[in-house]
Amino acid sequence: MDPAVKKETGYIVVWVVLLSLVMEGVFLIIGQWDLSVLFGNLGGAAVAVGNFFLMALIATRAVNRAVEKGKPEEAAARVKATATVRLLGCLAICVLLIAVFKTNLFATVIPLLFPRIGIAFRPLIDRKRGVEPPGTEGSDLID
């Protein structure tokens, strides 16, 4: 497995855990917390992290194969094709959690947004740490 996939997934896990704790606190403050919130949050967070991990793994493998074959357009097509399957998988798992295991709807679905929030804050955190964004020079997929 590519070290970048591990690193970025770890970054997302940190954001999902932190934002999950905040969400649990909000449910506690408004007096709506119960075990269905906890289990919904755990299930939704697992789905969010799993979805990100699969996306990163598939994208890395697609790019590596495309570089080997010299066909960069194949990488983008493969990632796009798997996006629908991943989305449907996330939807199916969330429906299962809510319908069968009776988890809280909001606590199950809201964590799916947490990776996006972590990704949005990444440039700010990197800039504060003095990390330069990766360049695209020499990238066949970008050119």
N, C-alpha and C. Protein backbone atom coordinates (compact mmCIF):
# COMPACT_ATOMS: atom_id res chain seq x y z
N MET A 1 0.85 -1.18 0.00
CA MET A 1 0.00 0.00 0.00
C MET A 1 0.90 1.24 0.00
N ASP A 2 0.47 2.22 -0.73
CA ASP A 2 1.20 3.48 -0.87
C ASP A 2 1.24 4.22 0.48
N PRO A 3 2.40 4.70 0.91
CA PRO A 3 2.48 5.44 2.17
C PRO A 3 1.61 6.71 2.18
N ALA A 4 1.42 7.31 1.02
CA ALA A 4 0.57 8.51 0.95
C ALA A 4 -0.88 8.18 1.30
N VAL A 5 -1.34 7.00 0.91
CA VAL A 5 -2.71 6.59 1.24
C VAL A 5 -2.85 6.46 2.76
N LYS A 6 -1.86 5.83 3.40
CA LYS A 6 -1.89 5.69 4.85
C LYS A 6 -1.87 7.04 5.54
N LYS A 7 -0.99 7.92 5.08
CA LYS A 7 -0.85 9.24 5.70
C LYS A 7 -2.13 10.06 5.57
N GLU A 8 -2.68 10.11 4.38
CA GLU A 8 -3.88 10.91 4.16
C GLU A 8 -5.10 10.31 4.86
N THR A 9 -5.18 8.99 4.91
CA THR A 9 -6.29 8.35 5.63
C THR A 9 -6.17 8.65 7.12
N GLY A 10 -4.95 8.63 7.65
CA GLY A 10 -4.74 8.99 9.04
C GLY A 10 -5.17 10.41 9.33
N TYR A 11 -4.86 11.31 8.42
CA TYR A 11 -5.27 12.71 8.55
C TYR A 11 -6.80 12.80 8.61
N ILE A 12 -7.47 12.08 7.75
CA ILE A 12 -8.94 12.09 7.72
C ILE A 12 -9.50 11.48 8.99
N VAL A 13 -8.89 10.41 9.48
CA VAL A 13 -9.36 9.78 10.72
C VAL A 13 -9.32 10.78 11.88
N VAL A 14 -8.26 11.56 11.97
CA VAL A 14 -8.14 12.56 13.04
C VAL A 14 -9.29 13.56 12.95
N TRP A 15 -9.56 14.07 11.76
CA TRP A 15 -10.66 15.03 11.59
C TRP A 15 -12.01 14.40 11.91
N VAL A 16 -12.23 13.18 11.46
CA VAL A 16 -13.51 12.52 11.71
C VAL A 16 -13.71 12.30 13.21
N VAL A 17 -12.68 11.88 13.91
CA VAL A 17 -12.79 11.66 15.36
C VAL A 17 -13.06 12.99 16.07
N LEU A 18 -12.30 14.03 15.74
CA LEU A 18 -12.51 15.32 16.40
C LEU A 18 -13.91 15.87 16.15
N LEU A 19 -14.34 15.84 14.91
CA LEU A 19 -15.67 16.37 14.59
C LEU A 19 -16.79 15.47 15.15
N SER A 20 -16.52 14.19 15.26
CA SER A 20 -17.50 13.29 15.89
C SER A 20 -17.67 13.63 17.37
N LEU A 21 -16.57 13.93 18.04
CA LEU A 21 -16.66 14.33 19.45
C LEU A 21 -17.45 15.62 19.60
N VAL A 22 -17.23 16.56 18.69
CA VAL A 22 -17.99 17.81 18.72
C VAL A 22 -19.47 17.52 18.51
N MET A 23 -19.79 16.66 17.55
CA MET A 23 -21.19 16.34 17.28
C MET A 23 -21.84 15.66 18.49
N GLU A 24 -21.11 14.74 19.11
CA GLU A 24 -21.65 14.09 20.32
C GLU A 24 -21.93 15.13 21.39
N GLY A 25 -21.02 16.10 21.54
CA GLY A 25 -21.22 17.17 22.52
C GLY A 25 -22.46 18.00 22.22
N VAL A 26 -22.68 18.28 20.95
CA VAL A 26 -23.87 19.05 20.56
C VAL A 26 -25.14 18.27 20.91
N PHE A 27 -25.16 16.99 20.61
CA PHE A 27 -26.32 16.16 20.97
C PHE A 27 -26.54 16.16 22.48
N LEU A 28 -25.45 16.11 23.25
CA LEU A 28 -25.56 16.15 24.71
C LEU A 28 -26.14 17.47 25.18
N ILE A 29 -25.63 18.57 24.62
CA ILE A 29 -26.06 19.91 25.03
C ILE A 29 -27.54 20.13 24.74
N ILE A 30 -28.00 19.66 23.58
CA ILE A 30 -29.42 19.88 23.25
C ILE A 30 -30.34 18.83 23.86
N GLY A 31 -29.76 17.91 24.61
CA GLY A 31 -30.56 16.91 25.33
C GLY A 31 -31.12 15.81 24.46
N GLN A 32 -30.52 15.55 23.32
CA GLN A 32 -31.02 14.52 22.41
C GLN A 32 -30.10 13.29 22.35
N TRP A 33 -29.09 13.24 23.22
CA TRP A 33 -28.13 12.15 23.14
C TRP A 33 -28.72 10.86 23.70
N ASP A 34 -28.51 9.78 22.98
CA ASP A 34 -28.80 8.42 23.48
C ASP A 34 -27.87 7.47 22.72
N LEU A 35 -28.01 6.19 22.95
CA LEU A 35 -27.12 5.22 22.31
C LEU A 35 -27.28 5.18 20.79
N SER A 36 -28.46 5.53 20.29
CA SER A 36 -28.63 5.54 18.84
C SER A 36 -27.77 6.62 18.19
N VAL A 37 -27.51 7.69 18.92
CA VAL A 37 -26.62 8.75 18.42
C VAL A 37 -25.18 8.23 18.39
N LEU A 38 -24.76 7.59 19.47
CA LEU A 38 -23.40 7.06 19.54
C LEU A 38 -23.15 6.03 18.44
N PHE A 39 -24.06 5.07 18.30
CA PHE A 39 -23.85 4.03 17.29
C PHE A 39 -24.00 4.57 15.87
N GLY A 40 -24.88 5.55 15.68
CA GLY A 40 -25.00 6.18 14.37
C GLY A 40 -23.72 6.93 14.01
N ASN A 41 -23.17 7.62 14.99
CA ASN A 41 -21.92 8.37 14.78
C ASN A 41 -20.78 7.40 14.47
N LEU A 42 -20.68 6.32 15.22
CA LEU A 42 -19.62 5.34 14.96
C LEU A 42 -19.77 4.71 13.57
N GLY A 43 -21.00 4.35 13.22
CA GLY A 43 -21.24 3.76 11.90
C GLY A 43 -20.98 4.74 10.77
N GLY A 44 -21.50 5.96 10.89
CA GLY A 44 -21.29 6.97 9.86
C GLY A 44 -19.83 7.34 9.71
N ALA A 45 -19.11 7.42 10.83
CA ALA A 45 -17.68 7.73 10.78
C ALA A 45 -16.91 6.62 10.10
N ALA A 46 -17.26 5.38 10.40
CA ALA A 46 -16.58 4.24 9.75
C ALA A 46 -16.84 4.24 8.24
N VAL A 47 -18.05 4.55 7.85
CA VAL A 47 -18.39 4.62 6.43
C VAL A 47 -17.60 5.76 5.76
N ALA A 48 -17.53 6.90 6.41
CA ALA A 48 -16.82 8.05 5.83
C ALA A 48 -15.34 7.77 5.65
N VAL A 49 -14.71 7.20 6.67
CA VAL A 49 -13.28 6.88 6.58
C VAL A 49 -13.05 5.77 5.56
N GLY A 50 -13.91 4.77 5.57
CA GLY A 50 -13.78 3.67 4.59
C GLY A 50 -13.93 4.16 3.17
N ASN A 51 -14.87 5.06 2.94
CA ASN A 51 -15.07 5.62 1.61
C ASN A 51 -13.84 6.40 1.16
N PHE A 52 -13.29 7.22 2.06
CA PHE A 52 -12.09 7.98 1.71
C PHE A 52 -10.92 7.04 1.42
N PHE A 53 -10.74 6.02 2.26
CA PHE A 53 -9.65 5.07 2.06
C PHE A 53 -9.76 4.37 0.71
N LEU A 54 -10.96 3.90 0.38
CA LEU A 54 -11.16 3.23 -0.91
C LEU A 54 -10.90 4.19 -2.07
N MET A 55 -11.36 5.43 -1.94
CA MET A 55 -11.12 6.41 -3.01
C MET A 55 -9.63 6.64 -3.21
N ALA A 56 -8.90 6.82 -2.11
CA ALA A 56 -7.46 7.06 -2.20
C ALA A 56 -6.73 5.85 -2.78
N LEU A 57 -7.12 4.67 -2.34
CA LEU A 57 -6.49 3.44 -2.83
C LEU A 57 -6.76 3.24 -4.32
N ILE A 58 -8.00 3.42 -4.73
CA ILE A 58 -8.37 3.24 -6.14
C ILE A 58 -7.68 4.29 -7.01
N ALA A 59 -7.65 5.54 -6.54
CA ALA A 59 -7.00 6.60 -7.33
C ALA A 59 -5.51 6.33 -7.48
N THR A 60 -4.85 5.90 -6.42
CA THR A 60 -3.42 5.61 -6.48
C THR A 60 -3.14 4.47 -7.46
N ARG A 61 -3.91 3.42 -7.34
CA ARG A 61 -3.71 2.28 -8.25
C ARG A 61 -4.01 2.65 -9.70
N ALA A 62 -5.05 3.44 -9.90
CA ALA A 62 -5.41 3.84 -11.27
C ALA A 62 -4.31 4.70 -11.89
N VAL A 63 -3.75 5.60 -11.11
CA VAL A 63 -2.68 6.46 -11.63
C VAL A 63 -1.44 5.62 -11.93
N ASN A 64 -1.10 4.70 -11.03
CA ASN A 64 0.07 3.85 -11.27
C ASN A 64 -0.09 3.01 -12.53
N ARG A 65 -1.28 2.44 -12.74
CA ARG A 65 -1.53 1.65 -13.95
C ARG A 65 -1.49 2.53 -15.20
N ALA A 66 -2.05 3.71 -15.09
CA ALA A 66 -2.07 4.62 -16.24
C ALA A 66 -0.66 5.05 -16.62
N VAL A 67 0.19 5.27 -15.63
CA VAL A 67 1.57 5.65 -15.91
C VAL A 67 2.30 4.50 -16.59
N GLU A 68 2.05 3.27 -16.12
CA GLU A 68 2.69 2.09 -16.73
C GLU A 68 2.26 1.91 -18.18
N LYS A 69 0.97 2.11 -18.44
CA LYS A 69 0.44 1.92 -19.79
C LYS A 69 0.59 3.15 -20.68
N GLY A 70 0.85 4.29 -20.07
CA GLY A 70 0.97 5.52 -20.85
C GLY A 70 -0.37 6.08 -21.30
N LYS A 71 -1.44 5.76 -20.57
CA LYS A 71 -2.78 6.26 -20.91
C LYS A 71 -3.39 6.97 -19.71
N PRO A 72 -3.08 8.25 -19.52
CA PRO A 72 -3.55 8.97 -18.34
C PRO A 72 -5.08 9.11 -18.27
N GLU A 73 -5.74 9.14 -19.40
CA GLU A 73 -7.21 9.30 -19.39
C GLU A 73 -7.90 8.10 -18.75
N GLU A 74 -7.25 6.94 -18.76
CA GLU A 74 -7.82 5.75 -18.14
C GLU A 74 -7.95 5.91 -16.63
N ALA A 75 -7.00 6.60 -16.01
CA ALA A 75 -7.03 6.78 -14.56
C ALA A 75 -8.26 7.58 -14.15
N ALA A 76 -8.51 8.67 -14.82
CA ALA A 76 -9.67 9.50 -14.49
C ALA A 76 -10.97 8.73 -14.72
N ALA A 77 -11.03 7.98 -15.79
CA ALA A 77 -12.25 7.21 -16.08
C ALA A 77 -12.49 6.13 -15.02
N ARG A 78 -11.44 5.49 -14.57
CA ARG A 78 -11.58 4.44 -13.56
C ARG A 78 -12.05 5.02 -12.23
N VAL A 79 -11.47 6.14 -11.84
CA VAL A 79 -11.87 6.76 -10.57
C VAL A 79 -13.32 7.23 -10.65
N LYS A 80 -13.71 7.81 -11.77
CA LYS A 80 -15.11 8.24 -11.94
C LYS A 80 -16.07 7.06 -11.89
N ALA A 81 -15.68 5.95 -12.52
CA ALA A 81 -16.55 4.77 -12.56
C ALA A 81 -16.75 4.19 -11.16
N THR A 82 -15.73 4.20 -10.35
CA THR A 82 -15.86 3.62 -9.01
C THR A 82 -16.56 4.57 -8.04
N ALA A 83 -16.62 5.85 -8.37
CA ALA A 83 -17.27 6.81 -7.47
C ALA A 83 -18.74 6.47 -7.27
N THR A 84 -19.42 6.08 -8.32
CA THR A 84 -20.83 5.73 -8.21
C THR A 84 -21.03 4.50 -7.34
N VAL A 85 -20.17 3.52 -7.51
CA VAL A 85 -20.27 2.29 -6.71
C VAL A 85 -20.01 2.60 -5.24
N ARG A 86 -19.00 3.43 -4.97
CA ARG A 86 -18.71 3.80 -3.57
C ARG A 86 -19.87 4.57 -2.96
N LEU A 87 -20.46 5.49 -3.72
CA LEU A 87 -21.60 6.26 -3.22
C LEU A 87 -22.78 5.36 -2.90
N LEU A 88 -23.08 4.44 -3.80
CA LEU A 88 -24.19 3.51 -3.55
C LEU A 88 -23.90 2.61 -2.35
N GLY A 89 -22.65 2.22 -2.19
CA GLY A 89 -22.27 1.41 -1.03
C GLY A 89 -22.45 2.18 0.27
N CYS A 90 -22.04 3.44 0.28
CA CYS A 90 -22.23 4.29 1.46
C CYS A 90 -23.71 4.45 1.78
N LEU A 91 -24.50 4.68 0.75
CA LEU A 91 -25.94 4.82 0.93
C LEU A 91 -26.55 3.55 1.51
N ALA A 92 -26.18 2.40 0.96
CA ALA A 92 -26.72 1.12 1.43
C ALA A 92 -26.36 0.86 2.89
N ILE A 93 -25.12 1.14 3.26
CA ILE A 93 -24.71 0.91 4.64
C ILE A 93 -25.43 1.86 5.59
N CYS A 94 -25.59 3.11 5.20
CA CYS A 94 -26.31 4.07 6.04
C CYS A 94 -27.78 3.68 6.20
N VAL A 95 -28.40 3.25 5.13
CA VAL A 95 -29.79 2.80 5.21
C VAL A 95 -29.90 1.59 6.14
N LEU A 96 -28.95 0.68 6.03
CA LEU A 96 -28.93 -0.49 6.90
C LEU A 96 -28.78 -0.07 8.37
N LEU A 97 -27.87 0.85 8.64
CA LEU A 97 -27.67 1.31 10.01
C LEU A 97 -28.93 1.96 10.57
N ILE A 98 -29.57 2.79 9.76
CA ILE A 98 -30.75 3.52 10.23
C ILE A 98 -31.97 2.61 10.34
N ALA A 99 -32.23 1.80 9.31
CA ALA A 99 -33.44 0.98 9.28
C ALA A 99 -33.36 -0.25 10.17
N VAL A 100 -32.26 -0.94 10.12
CA VAL A 100 -32.16 -2.21 10.85
C VAL A 100 -31.65 -2.00 12.28
N PHE A 101 -30.61 -1.21 12.43
CA PHE A 101 -30.00 -1.03 13.74
C PHE A 101 -30.56 0.17 14.50
N LYS A 102 -31.48 0.89 13.87
CA LYS A 102 -32.20 2.00 14.49
C LYS A 102 -31.27 3.10 15.04
N THR A 103 -30.25 3.43 14.27
CA THR A 103 -29.37 4.52 14.67
C THR A 103 -30.04 5.85 14.34
N ASN A 104 -29.57 6.90 14.96
CA ASN A 104 -30.10 8.22 14.73
C ASN A 104 -29.74 8.67 13.30
N LEU A 105 -30.72 9.15 12.57
CA LEU A 105 -30.53 9.55 11.18
C LEU A 105 -29.42 10.59 11.03
N PHE A 106 -29.51 11.66 11.82
CA PHE A 106 -28.55 12.75 11.69
C PHE A 106 -27.15 12.33 12.13
N ALA A 107 -27.08 11.57 13.22
CA ALA A 107 -25.78 11.12 13.72
C ALA A 107 -25.13 10.13 12.76
N THR A 108 -25.90 9.48 11.93
CA THR A 108 -25.36 8.54 10.95
C THR A 108 -24.90 9.24 9.69
N VAL A 109 -25.64 10.24 9.25
CA VAL A 109 -25.37 10.88 7.97
C VAL A 109 -24.36 12.05 8.08
N ILE A 110 -24.42 12.82 9.14
CA ILE A 110 -23.55 13.99 9.27
C ILE A 110 -22.06 13.62 9.20
N PRO A 111 -21.60 12.52 9.81
CA PRO A 111 -20.17 12.19 9.70
C PRO A 111 -19.67 11.97 8.27
N LEU A 112 -20.56 11.73 7.35
CA LEU A 112 -20.14 11.58 5.95
C LEU A 112 -19.57 12.89 5.40
N LEU A 113 -19.88 14.00 6.04
CA LEU A 113 -19.36 15.31 5.61
C LEU A 113 -18.00 15.63 6.24
N PHE A 114 -17.62 14.93 7.28
CA PHE A 114 -16.40 15.26 8.01
C PHE A 114 -15.12 15.16 7.18
N PRO A 115 -14.95 14.15 6.32
CA PRO A 115 -13.73 14.15 5.50
C PRO A 115 -13.63 15.38 4.60
N ARG A 116 -14.73 15.84 4.08
CA ARG A 116 -14.74 17.03 3.22
C ARG A 116 -14.26 18.25 4.01
N ILE A 117 -14.69 18.35 5.27
CA ILE A 117 -14.26 19.47 6.11
C ILE A 117 -12.75 19.39 6.36
N GLY A 118 -12.27 18.19 6.66
CA GLY A 118 -10.83 18.00 6.86
C GLY A 118 -10.03 18.36 5.63
N ILE A 119 -10.52 17.97 4.47
CA ILE A 119 -9.85 18.30 3.20
C ILE A 119 -9.85 19.81 2.97
N ALA A 120 -10.94 20.47 3.31
CA ALA A 120 -11.03 21.92 3.11
C ALA A 120 -10.04 22.67 3.99
N PHE A 121 -9.76 22.17 5.18
CA PHE A 121 -8.84 22.84 6.08
C PHE A 121 -7.38 22.47 5.82
N ARG A 122 -7.12 21.48 5.01
CA ARG A 122 -5.75 21.02 4.77
C ARG A 122 -4.82 22.12 4.27
N PRO A 123 -5.21 22.92 3.28
CA PRO A 123 -4.29 23.98 2.82
C PRO A 123 -3.95 24.99 3.92
N LEU A 124 -4.90 25.32 4.76
CA LEU A 124 -4.65 26.26 5.84
C LEU A 124 -3.65 25.70 6.85
N ILE A 125 -3.82 24.45 7.19
CA ILE A 125 -2.93 23.80 8.15
C ILE A 125 -1.53 23.67 7.56
N ASP A 126 -1.44 23.26 6.31
CA ASP A 126 -0.14 23.12 5.66
C ASP A 126 0.57 24.46 5.56
N ARG A 127 -0.17 25.50 5.23
CA ARG A 127 0.43 26.84 5.11
C ARG A 127 0.96 27.30 6.46
N LYS A 128 0.22 27.04 7.52
CA LYS A 128 0.64 27.43 8.86
C LYS A 128 1.90 26.68 9.29
N ARG A 129 2.02 25.42 8.86
CA ARG A 129 3.20 24.60 9.18
C ARG A 129 4.37 24.89 8.24
N GLY A 130 4.13 25.67 7.20
CA GLY A 130 5.18 26.00 6.25
C GLY A 130 5.41 24.94 5.19
N VAL A 131 4.43 24.08 4.99
CA VAL A 131 4.53 23.03 3.98
C VAL A 131 4.02 23.58 2.65
N GLU A 132 4.83 23.44 1.62
CA GLU A 132 4.44 23.90 0.29
C GLU A 132 3.48 22.89 -0.35
N PRO A 133 2.47 23.37 -1.07
CA PRO A 133 1.60 22.43 -1.77
C PRO A 133 2.39 21.72 -2.86
N PRO A 134 2.05 20.45 -3.12
CA PRO A 134 2.79 19.72 -4.15
C PRO A 134 2.63 20.37 -5.51
N GLY A 135 3.71 20.39 -6.27
CA GLY A 135 3.67 20.97 -7.61
C GLY A 135 3.12 19.97 -8.62
N THR A 136 2.79 20.47 -9.78
CA THR A 136 2.27 19.61 -10.83
C THR A 136 3.20 19.55 -12.01
N GLU A 137 4.44 20.02 -11.83
CA GLU A 137 5.38 20.01 -12.95
C GLU A 137 5.66 18.58 -13.38
N GLY A 138 5.62 18.35 -14.65
CA GLY A 138 5.94 17.04 -15.19
C GLY A 138 4.83 16.03 -15.07
N SER A 139 3.66 16.44 -14.67
CA SER A 139 2.56 15.52 -14.50
C SER A 139 1.82 15.35 -15.83
N ASP A 140 1.82 14.14 -16.34
CA ASP A 140 1.12 13.87 -17.58
C ASP A 140 -0.39 13.98 -17.40
N LEU A 141 -0.89 13.66 -16.18
CA LEU A 141 -2.31 13.68 -15.95
C LEU A 141 -2.87 15.10 -15.89
N ILE A 142 -2.04 16.05 -15.50
CA ILE A 142 -2.51 17.43 -15.37
C ILE A 142 -2.35 18.19 -16.68
N ASP A 143 -1.25 17.92 -17.41
CA ASP A 143 -0.94 18.68 -18.63
C ASP A 143 -1.93 18.48 -19.72
